[in-house]
Amino acid sequence: MSLRLSTVILPVDRWHEGGRAKWQRAEELGFHAAYTYDHLSWRTFRDRAWFGALPTLTAAATATERIRLGTLVTSVKPRSCITG
């Protein structure tokens, strides 16, 4: 039986200002998987940038090779619907 460790990386850093490096570092450290949240904001980060989970995971997939990627929570976002 082997132990697999995962981590959570909040989508609060711009990709070129440390976001990419965090995902790559998680892979370098040997984590099995890295997850992010798909919220509109998060507690103490509500006044900071908060990037979408799917674009963040897409970028992480281009910057990593082995680590599994996913969301811990995927929220149903309210959407406007224009009919007529």
PDB file of N, CA and C in Angstrom:
ATOM      1  N   MET A   1       0.850  -1.178   0.000  1.00  0.00           N
ATOM      2  CA  MET A   1       0.000   0.000   0.000  1.00  0.00           C
ATOM      3  C   MET A   1       0.895   1.240   0.000  1.00  0.00           C
ATOM      4  N   SER A   2       0.628   2.133  -0.908  1.00  0.00           N
ATOM      5  CA  SER A   2       1.426   3.363  -0.967  1.00  0.00           C
ATOM      6  C   SER A   2       0.562   4.556  -0.573  1.00  0.00           C
ATOM      7  N   LEU A   3       1.203   5.543  -0.017  1.00  0.00           N
ATOM      8  CA  LEU A   3       0.535   6.758   0.404  1.00  0.00           C
ATOM      9  C   LEU A   3       0.651   7.792  -0.707  1.00  0.00           C
ATOM     10  N   ARG A   4      -0.469   8.361  -1.100  1.00  0.00           N
ATOM     11  CA  ARG A   4      -0.479   9.404  -2.127  1.00  0.00           C
ATOM     12  C   ARG A   4      -0.947  10.705  -1.499  1.00  0.00           C
ATOM     13  N   LEU A   5      -0.124  11.724  -1.596  1.00  0.00           N
ATOM     14  CA  LEU A   5      -0.459  13.024  -1.040  1.00  0.00           C
ATOM     15  C   LEU A   5      -0.889  13.976  -2.139  1.00  0.00           C
ATOM     16  N   SER A   6      -1.867  14.795  -1.815  1.00  0.00           N
ATOM     17  CA  SER A   6      -2.352  15.814  -2.746  1.00  0.00           C
ATOM     18  C   SER A   6      -2.281  17.168  -2.058  1.00  0.00           C
ATOM     19  N   THR A   7      -2.447  18.217  -2.842  1.00  0.00           N
ATOM     20  CA  THR A   7      -2.393  19.568  -2.306  1.00  0.00           C
ATOM     21  C   THR A   7      -3.497  20.419  -2.938  1.00  0.00           C
ATOM     22  N   VAL A   8      -3.776  21.539  -2.318  1.00  0.00           N
ATOM     23  CA  VAL A   8      -4.729  22.515  -2.845  1.00  0.00           C
ATOM     24  C   VAL A   8      -3.949  23.779  -3.176  1.00  0.00           C
ATOM     25  N   ILE A   9      -4.173  24.304  -4.362  1.00  0.00           N
ATOM     26  CA  ILE A   9      -3.544  25.563  -4.777  1.00  0.00           C
ATOM     27  C   ILE A   9      -4.668  26.540  -5.108  1.00  0.00           C
ATOM     28  N   LEU A  10      -4.788  27.577  -4.311  1.00  0.00           N
ATOM     29  CA  LEU A  10      -5.841  28.562  -4.547  1.00  0.00           C
ATOM     30  C   LEU A  10      -5.520  29.378  -5.798  1.00  0.00           C
ATOM     31  N   PRO A  11      -6.523  29.695  -6.606  1.00  0.00           N
ATOM     32  CA  PRO A  11      -6.283  30.434  -7.852  1.00  0.00           C
ATOM     33  C   PRO A  11      -6.212  31.945  -7.637  1.00  0.00           C
ATOM     34  N   VAL A  12      -5.261  32.385  -6.833  1.00  0.00           N
ATOM     35  CA  VAL A  12      -5.179  33.799  -6.478  1.00  0.00           C
ATOM     36  C   VAL A  12      -3.974  34.513  -7.088  1.00  0.00           C
ATOM     37  N   ASP A  13      -3.061  33.764  -7.676  1.00  0.00           N
ATOM     38  CA  ASP A  13      -1.864  34.381  -8.252  1.00  0.00           C
ATOM     39  C   ASP A  13      -1.962  34.467  -9.768  1.00  0.00           C
ATOM     40  N   ARG A  14      -1.577  35.597 -10.307  1.00  0.00           N
ATOM     41  CA  ARG A  14      -1.497  35.711 -11.762  1.00  0.00           C
ATOM     42  C   ARG A  14      -0.479  34.696 -12.255  1.00  0.00           C
ATOM     43  N   TRP A  15      -0.727  34.129 -13.408  1.00  0.00           N
ATOM     44  CA  TRP A  15       0.078  33.027 -13.926  1.00  0.00           C
ATOM     45  C   TRP A  15       1.554  33.395 -14.004  1.00  0.00           C
ATOM     46  N   HIS A  16       1.855  34.589 -14.526  1.00  0.00           N
ATOM     47  CA  HIS A  16       3.247  34.998 -14.702  1.00  0.00           C
ATOM     48  C   HIS A  16       3.869  35.563 -13.421  1.00  0.00           C
ATOM     49  N   GLU A  17       3.083  35.695 -12.360  1.00  0.00           N
ATOM     50  CA  GLU A  17       3.588  36.234 -11.095  1.00  0.00           C
ATOM     51  C   GLU A  17       3.602  35.172  -9.992  1.00  0.00           C
ATOM     52  N   GLY A  18       3.774  33.939 -10.357  1.00  0.00           N
ATOM     53  CA  GLY A  18       3.885  32.898  -9.343  1.00  0.00           C
ATOM     54  C   GLY A  18       2.897  31.758  -9.469  1.00  0.00           C
ATOM     55  N   GLY A  19       1.826  31.957 -10.220  1.00  0.00           N
ATOM     56  CA  GLY A  19       0.841  30.891 -10.380  1.00  0.00           C
ATOM     57  C   GLY A  19       1.432  29.650 -11.024  1.00  0.00           C
ATOM     58  N   ARG A  20       2.110  29.833 -12.124  1.00  0.00           N
ATOM     59  CA  ARG A  20       2.747  28.715 -12.837  1.00  0.00           C
ATOM     60  C   ARG A  20       3.752  27.992 -11.941  1.00  0.00           C
ATOM     61  N   ALA A  21       4.565  28.754 -11.235  1.00  0.00           N
ATOM     62  CA  ALA A  21       5.601  28.182 -10.381  1.00  0.00           C
ATOM     63  C   ALA A  21       5.008  27.318  -9.271  1.00  0.00           C
ATOM     64  N   LYS A  22       3.851  27.695  -8.731  1.00  0.00           N
ATOM     65  CA  LYS A  22       3.231  26.900  -7.665  1.00  0.00           C
ATOM     66  C   LYS A  22       2.817  25.518  -8.173  1.00  0.00           C
ATOM     67  N   TRP A  23       2.213  25.462  -9.358  1.00  0.00           N
ATOM     68  CA  TRP A  23       1.787  24.178  -9.912  1.00  0.00           C
ATOM     69  C   TRP A  23       2.999  23.306 -10.245  1.00  0.00           C
ATOM     70  N   GLN A  24       4.019  23.922 -10.800  1.00  0.00           N
ATOM     71  CA  GLN A  24       5.223  23.169 -11.126  1.00  0.00           C
ATOM     72  C   GLN A  24       5.921  22.679  -9.856  1.00  0.00           C
ATOM     73  N   ARG A  25       5.924  23.497  -8.826  1.00  0.00           N
ATOM     74  CA  ARG A  25       6.562  23.104  -7.570  1.00  0.00           C
ATOM     75  C   ARG A  25       5.825  21.922  -6.930  1.00  0.00           C
ATOM     76  N   ALA A  26       4.509  21.934  -7.009  1.00  0.00           N
ATOM     77  CA  ALA A  26       3.736  20.809  -6.470  1.00  0.00           C
ATOM     78  C   ALA A  26       4.127  19.509  -7.159  1.00  0.00           C
ATOM     79  N   GLU A  27       4.332  19.580  -8.466  1.00  0.00           N
ATOM     80  CA  GLU A  27       4.760  18.398  -9.202  1.00  0.00           C
ATOM     81  C   GLU A  27       6.184  17.990  -8.806  1.00  0.00           C
ATOM     82  N   GLU A  28       7.079  18.959  -8.688  1.00  0.00           N
ATOM     83  CA  GLU A  28       8.461  18.680  -8.285  1.00  0.00           C
ATOM     84  C   GLU A  28       8.536  18.029  -6.910  1.00  0.00           C
ATOM     85  N   LEU A  29       7.648  18.429  -6.008  1.00  0.00           N
ATOM     86  CA  LEU A  29       7.633  17.872  -4.656  1.00  0.00           C
ATOM     87  C   LEU A  29       7.053  16.460  -4.617  1.00  0.00           C
ATOM     88  N   GLY A  30       6.507  16.005  -5.732  1.00  0.00           N
ATOM     89  CA  GLY A  30       6.014  14.637  -5.814  1.00  0.00           C
ATOM     90  C   GLY A  30       4.574  14.429  -5.410  1.00  0.00           C
ATOM     91  N   PHE A  31       3.782  15.498  -5.336  1.00  0.00           N
ATOM     92  CA  PHE A  31       2.375  15.325  -5.015  1.00  0.00           C
ATOM     93  C   PHE A  31       1.689  14.496  -6.096  1.00  0.00           C
ATOM     94  N   HIS A  32       0.764  13.654  -5.679  1.00  0.00           N
ATOM     95  CA  HIS A  32       0.004  12.815  -6.600  1.00  0.00           C
ATOM     96  C   HIS A  32      -0.966  13.671  -7.416  1.00  0.00           C
ATOM     97  N   ALA A  33      -1.609  14.638  -6.745  1.00  0.00           N
ATOM     98  CA  ALA A  33      -2.607  15.486  -7.401  1.00  0.00           C
ATOM     99  C   ALA A  33      -2.573  16.880  -6.790  1.00  0.00           C
ATOM    100  N   ALA A  34      -3.046  17.838  -7.574  1.00  0.00           N
ATOM    101  CA  ALA A  34      -3.211  19.213  -7.090  1.00  0.00           C
ATOM    102  C   ALA A  34      -4.612  19.662  -7.486  1.00  0.00           C
ATOM    103  N   TYR A  35      -5.289  20.261  -6.541  1.00  0.00           N
ATOM    104  CA  TYR A  35      -6.662  20.689  -6.745  1.00  0.00           C
ATOM    105  C   TYR A  35      -6.775  22.194  -6.553  1.00  0.00           C
ATOM    106  N   THR A  36      -7.844  22.753  -7.101  1.00  0.00           N
ATOM    107  CA  THR A  36      -8.163  24.147  -6.865  1.00  0.00           C
ATOM    108  C   THR A  36      -9.668  24.248  -6.650  1.00  0.00           C
ATOM    109  N   TYR A  37     -10.130  25.385  -6.173  1.00  0.00           N
ATOM    110  CA  TYR A  37     -11.547  25.612  -5.930  1.00  0.00           C
ATOM    111  C   TYR A  37     -12.167  26.378  -7.083  1.00  0.00           C
ATOM    112  N   ASP A  38     -13.445  26.146  -7.306  1.00  0.00           N
ATOM    113  CA  ASP A  38     -14.198  26.870  -8.320  1.00  0.00           C
ATOM    114  C   ASP A  38     -15.262  27.725  -7.632  1.00  0.00           C
ATOM    115  N   HIS A  39     -14.804  28.672  -6.819  1.00  0.00           N
ATOM    116  CA  HIS A  39     -15.709  29.589  -6.135  1.00  0.00           C
ATOM    117  C   HIS A  39     -15.649  30.945  -6.819  1.00  0.00           C
ATOM    118  N   LEU A  40     -16.620  31.786  -6.513  1.00  0.00           N
ATOM    119  CA  LEU A  40     -16.582  33.158  -7.024  1.00  0.00           C
ATOM    120  C   LEU A  40     -15.588  33.998  -6.229  1.00  0.00           C
ATOM    121  N   SER A  41     -15.394  33.672  -4.967  1.00  0.00           N
ATOM    122  CA  SER A  41     -14.391  34.319  -4.122  1.00  0.00           C
ATOM    123  C   SER A  41     -14.163  33.420  -2.913  1.00  0.00           C
ATOM    124  N   TRP A  42     -13.233  33.818  -2.056  1.00  0.00           N
ATOM    125  CA  TRP A  42     -12.917  32.992  -0.900  1.00  0.00           C
ATOM    126  C   TRP A  42     -12.515  33.866   0.267  1.00  0.00           C
ATOM    127  N   ARG A  43     -13.264  33.828   1.308  1.00  0.00           N
ATOM    128  CA  ARG A  43     -13.013  34.487   2.586  1.00  0.00           C
ATOM    129  C   ARG A  43     -12.082  35.689   2.514  1.00  0.00           C
ATOM    130  N   THR A  44     -10.859  35.521   2.940  1.00  0.00           N
ATOM    131  CA  THR A  44      -9.932  36.647   3.038  1.00  0.00           C
ATOM    132  C   THR A  44      -9.426  37.117   1.685  1.00  0.00           C
ATOM    133  N   PHE A  45      -9.736  36.390   0.629  1.00  0.00           N
ATOM    134  CA  PHE A  45      -9.296  36.782  -0.713  1.00  0.00           C
ATOM    135  C   PHE A  45     -10.392  37.517  -1.488  1.00  0.00           C
ATOM    136  N   ARG A  46     -11.499  37.847  -0.853  1.00  0.00           N
ATOM    137  CA  ARG A  46     -12.621  38.445  -1.598  1.00  0.00           C
ATOM    138  C   ARG A  46     -12.289  39.808  -2.200  1.00  0.00           C
ATOM    139  N   ASP A  47     -11.265  40.478  -1.694  1.00  0.00           N
ATOM    140  CA  ASP A  47     -10.855  41.772  -2.247  1.00  0.00           C
ATOM    141  C   ASP A  47      -9.646  41.652  -3.162  1.00  0.00           C
ATOM    142  N   ARG A  48      -9.245  40.430  -3.486  1.00  0.00           N
ATOM    143  CA  ARG A  48      -8.098  40.174  -4.377  1.00  0.00           C
ATOM    144  C   ARG A  48      -8.586  39.463  -5.630  1.00  0.00           C
ATOM    145  N   ALA A  49      -7.681  39.324  -6.546  1.00  0.00           N
ATOM    146  CA  ALA A  49      -7.999  38.562  -7.756  1.00  0.00           C
ATOM    147  C   ALA A  49      -8.308  37.116  -7.383  1.00  0.00           C
ATOM    148  N   TRP A  50      -9.261  36.532  -8.074  1.00  0.00           N
ATOM    149  CA  TRP A  50      -9.617  35.123  -7.896  1.00  0.00           C
ATOM    150  C   TRP A  50      -9.932  34.600  -9.293  1.00  0.00           C
ATOM    151  N   PHE A  51      -9.109  33.714  -9.784  1.00  0.00           N
ATOM    152  CA  PHE A  51      -9.215  33.270 -11.166  1.00  0.00           C
ATOM    153  C   PHE A  51     -10.052  32.006 -11.280  1.00  0.00           C
ATOM    154  N   GLY A  52     -10.662  31.820 -12.427  1.00  0.00           N
ATOM    155  CA  GLY A  52     -11.527  30.677 -12.660  1.00  0.00           C
ATOM    156  C   GLY A  52     -10.767  29.354 -12.595  1.00  0.00           C
ATOM    157  N   ALA A  53     -11.450  28.334 -12.095  1.00  0.00           N
ATOM    158  CA  ALA A  53     -10.820  27.021 -11.920  1.00  0.00           C
ATOM    159  C   ALA A  53     -10.450  26.371 -13.251  1.00  0.00           C
ATOM    160  N   LEU A  54     -11.348  26.384 -14.214  1.00  0.00           N
ATOM    161  CA  LEU A  54     -11.061  25.685 -15.470  1.00  0.00           C
ATOM    162  C   LEU A  54      -9.924  26.319 -16.260  1.00  0.00           C
ATOM    163  N   PRO A  55      -9.872  27.647 -16.408  1.00  0.00           N
ATOM    164  CA  PRO A  55      -8.698  28.223 -17.061  1.00  0.00           C
ATOM    165  C   PRO A  55      -7.407  27.966 -16.275  1.00  0.00           C
ATOM    166  N   THR A  56      -7.500  27.993 -14.943  1.00  0.00           N
ATOM    167  CA  THR A  56      -6.326  27.722 -14.114  1.00  0.00           C
ATOM    168  C   THR A  56      -5.832  26.299 -14.327  1.00  0.00           C
ATOM    169  N   LEU A  57      -6.755  25.331 -14.336  1.00  0.00           N
ATOM    170  CA  LEU A  57      -6.365  23.934 -14.538  1.00  0.00           C
ATOM    171  C   LEU A  57      -5.841  23.695 -15.953  1.00  0.00           C
ATOM    172  N   THR A  58      -6.402  24.397 -16.928  1.00  0.00           N
ATOM    173  CA  THR A  58      -5.912  24.280 -18.301  1.00  0.00           C
ATOM    174  C   THR A  58      -4.468  24.768 -18.377  1.00  0.00           C
ATOM    175  N   ALA A  59      -4.203  25.911 -17.756  1.00  0.00           N
ATOM    176  CA  ALA A  59      -2.831  26.432 -17.737  1.00  0.00           C
ATOM    177  C   ALA A  59      -1.903  25.488 -16.982  1.00  0.00           C
ATOM    178  N   ALA A  60      -2.369  24.933 -15.867  1.00  0.00           N
ATOM    179  CA  ALA A  60      -1.546  24.002 -15.090  1.00  0.00           C
ATOM    180  C   ALA A  60      -1.222  22.755 -15.905  1.00  0.00           C
ATOM    181  N   ALA A  61      -2.155  22.313 -16.723  1.00  0.00           N
ATOM    182  CA  ALA A  61      -1.918  21.130 -17.558  1.00  0.00           C
ATOM    183  C   ALA A  61      -0.832  21.382 -18.596  1.00  0.00           C
ATOM    184  N   THR A  62      -0.706  22.621 -19.041  1.00  0.00           N
ATOM    185  CA  THR A  62       0.337  22.928 -20.019  1.00  0.00           C
ATOM    186  C   THR A  62       1.710  23.093 -19.364  1.00  0.00           C
ATOM    187  N   ALA A  63       1.723  23.318 -18.044  1.00  0.00           N
ATOM    188  CA  ALA A  63       2.976  23.583 -17.335  1.00  0.00           C
ATOM    189  C   ALA A  63       3.495  22.371 -16.557  1.00  0.00           C
ATOM    190  N   THR A  64       2.713  21.303 -16.500  1.00  0.00           N
ATOM    191  CA  THR A  64       3.104  20.107 -15.749  1.00  0.00           C
ATOM    192  C   THR A  64       3.010  18.887 -16.653  1.00  0.00           C
ATOM    193  N   GLU A  65       3.563  17.759 -16.176  1.00  0.00           N
ATOM    194  CA  GLU A  65       3.562  16.547 -16.987  1.00  0.00           C
ATOM    195  C   GLU A  65       2.879  15.357 -16.323  1.00  0.00           C
ATOM    196  N   ARG A  66       3.064  15.180 -15.017  1.00  0.00           N
ATOM    197  CA  ARG A  66       2.619  13.953 -14.361  1.00  0.00           C
ATOM    198  C   ARG A  66       1.517  14.143 -13.333  1.00  0.00           C
ATOM    199  N   ILE A  67       1.466  15.272 -12.690  1.00  0.00           N
ATOM    200  CA  ILE A  67       0.544  15.481 -11.580  1.00  0.00           C
ATOM    201  C   ILE A  67      -0.904  15.469 -12.072  1.00  0.00           C
ATOM    202  N   ARG A  68      -1.776  14.858 -11.303  1.00  0.00           N
ATOM    203  CA  ARG A  68      -3.205  14.869 -11.633  1.00  0.00           C
ATOM    204  C   ARG A  68      -3.788  16.204 -11.191  1.00  0.00           C
ATOM    205  N   LEU A  69      -4.765  16.692 -11.930  1.00  0.00           N
ATOM    206  CA  LEU A  69      -5.351  18.002 -11.663  1.00  0.00           C
ATOM    207  C   LEU A  69      -6.858  17.873 -11.491  1.00  0.00           C
ATOM    208  N   GLY A  70      -7.435  18.727 -10.645  1.00  0.00           N
ATOM    209  CA  GLY A  70      -8.876  18.679 -10.468  1.00  0.00           C
ATOM    210  C   GLY A  70      -9.387  19.798  -9.592  1.00  0.00           C
ATOM    211  N   THR A  71     -10.717  19.827  -9.449  1.00  0.00           N
ATOM    212  CA  THR A  71     -11.357  20.800  -8.566  1.00  0.00           C
ATOM    213  C   THR A  71     -11.873  20.076  -7.330  1.00  0.00           C
ATOM    214  N   LEU A  72     -11.766  20.723  -6.192  1.00  0.00           N
ATOM    215  CA  LEU A  72     -12.362  20.180  -4.977  1.00  0.00           C
ATOM    216  C   LEU A  72     -13.848  20.485  -4.956  1.00  0.00           C
ATOM    217  N   VAL A  73     -14.216  21.645  -5.442  1.00  0.00           N
ATOM    218  CA  VAL A  73     -15.600  22.072  -5.502  1.00  0.00           C
ATOM    219  C   VAL A  73     -15.819  22.697  -6.868  1.00  0.00           C
ATOM    220  N   THR A  74     -16.882  22.322  -7.517  1.00  0.00           N
ATOM    221  CA  THR A  74     -17.266  22.976  -8.762  1.00  0.00           C
ATOM    222  C   THR A  74     -18.646  23.570  -8.543  1.00  0.00           C
ATOM    223  N   SER A  75     -18.712  24.877  -8.558  1.00  0.00           N
ATOM    224  CA  SER A  75     -19.962  25.574  -8.262  1.00  0.00           C
ATOM    225  C   SER A  75     -20.801  25.765  -9.521  1.00  0.00           C
ATOM    226  N   VAL A  76     -22.103  25.746  -9.326  1.00  0.00           N
ATOM    227  CA  VAL A  76     -23.003  26.117 -10.413  1.00  0.00           C
ATOM    228  C   VAL A  76     -23.102  27.632 -10.359  1.00  0.00           C
ATOM    229  N   LYS A  77     -22.609  28.283 -11.389  1.00  0.00           N
ATOM    230  CA  LYS A  77     -22.586  29.737 -11.416  1.00  0.00           C
ATOM    231  C   LYS A  77     -23.910  30.279 -11.968  1.00  0.00           C
ATOM    232  N   PRO A  78     -24.407  31.363 -11.401  1.00  0.00           N
ATOM    233  CA  PRO A  78     -25.595  31.977 -11.985  1.00  0.00           C
ATOM    234  C   PRO A  78     -25.262  32.564 -13.352  1.00  0.00           C
ATOM    235  N   ARG A  79     -26.091  32.295 -14.321  1.00  0.00           N
ATOM    236  CA  ARG A  79     -25.872  32.790 -15.676  1.00  0.00           C
ATOM    237  C   ARG A  79     -27.087  33.594 -16.124  1.00  0.00           C
ATOM    238  N   SER A  80     -26.840  34.600 -16.903  1.00  0.00           N
ATOM    239  CA  SER A  80     -27.926  35.368 -17.496  1.00  0.00           C
ATOM    240  C   SER A  80     -28.407  34.650 -18.739  1.00  0.00           C
ATOM    241  N   CYS A  81     -29.679  34.693 -18.949  1.00  0.00           N
ATOM    242  CA  CYS A  81     -30.251  34.072 -20.143  1.00  0.00           C
ATOM    243  C   CYS A  81     -31.100  35.122 -20.837  1.00  0.00           C
ATOM    244  N   ILE A  82     -30.747  35.427 -22.062  1.00  0.00           N
ATOM    245  CA  ILE A  82     -31.487  36.405 -22.837  1.00  0.00           C
ATOM    246  C   ILE A  82     -32.340  35.646 -23.838  1.00  0.00           C
ATOM    247  N   THR A  83     -33.616  35.868 -23.782  1.00  0.00           N
ATOM    248  CA  THR A  83     -34.527  35.232 -24.735  1.00  0.00           C
ATOM    249  C   THR A  83     -35.260  36.304 -25.507  1.00  0.00           C
ATOM    250  N   GLY A  84     -35.778  35.895 -26.633  1.00  0.00           N
ATOM    251  CA  GLY A  84     -36.570  36.879 -27.345  1.00  0.00           C
ATOM    252  C   GLY A  84     -36.397  36.893 -28.767  1.00  0.00           C
TER     253      GLY A  84
END
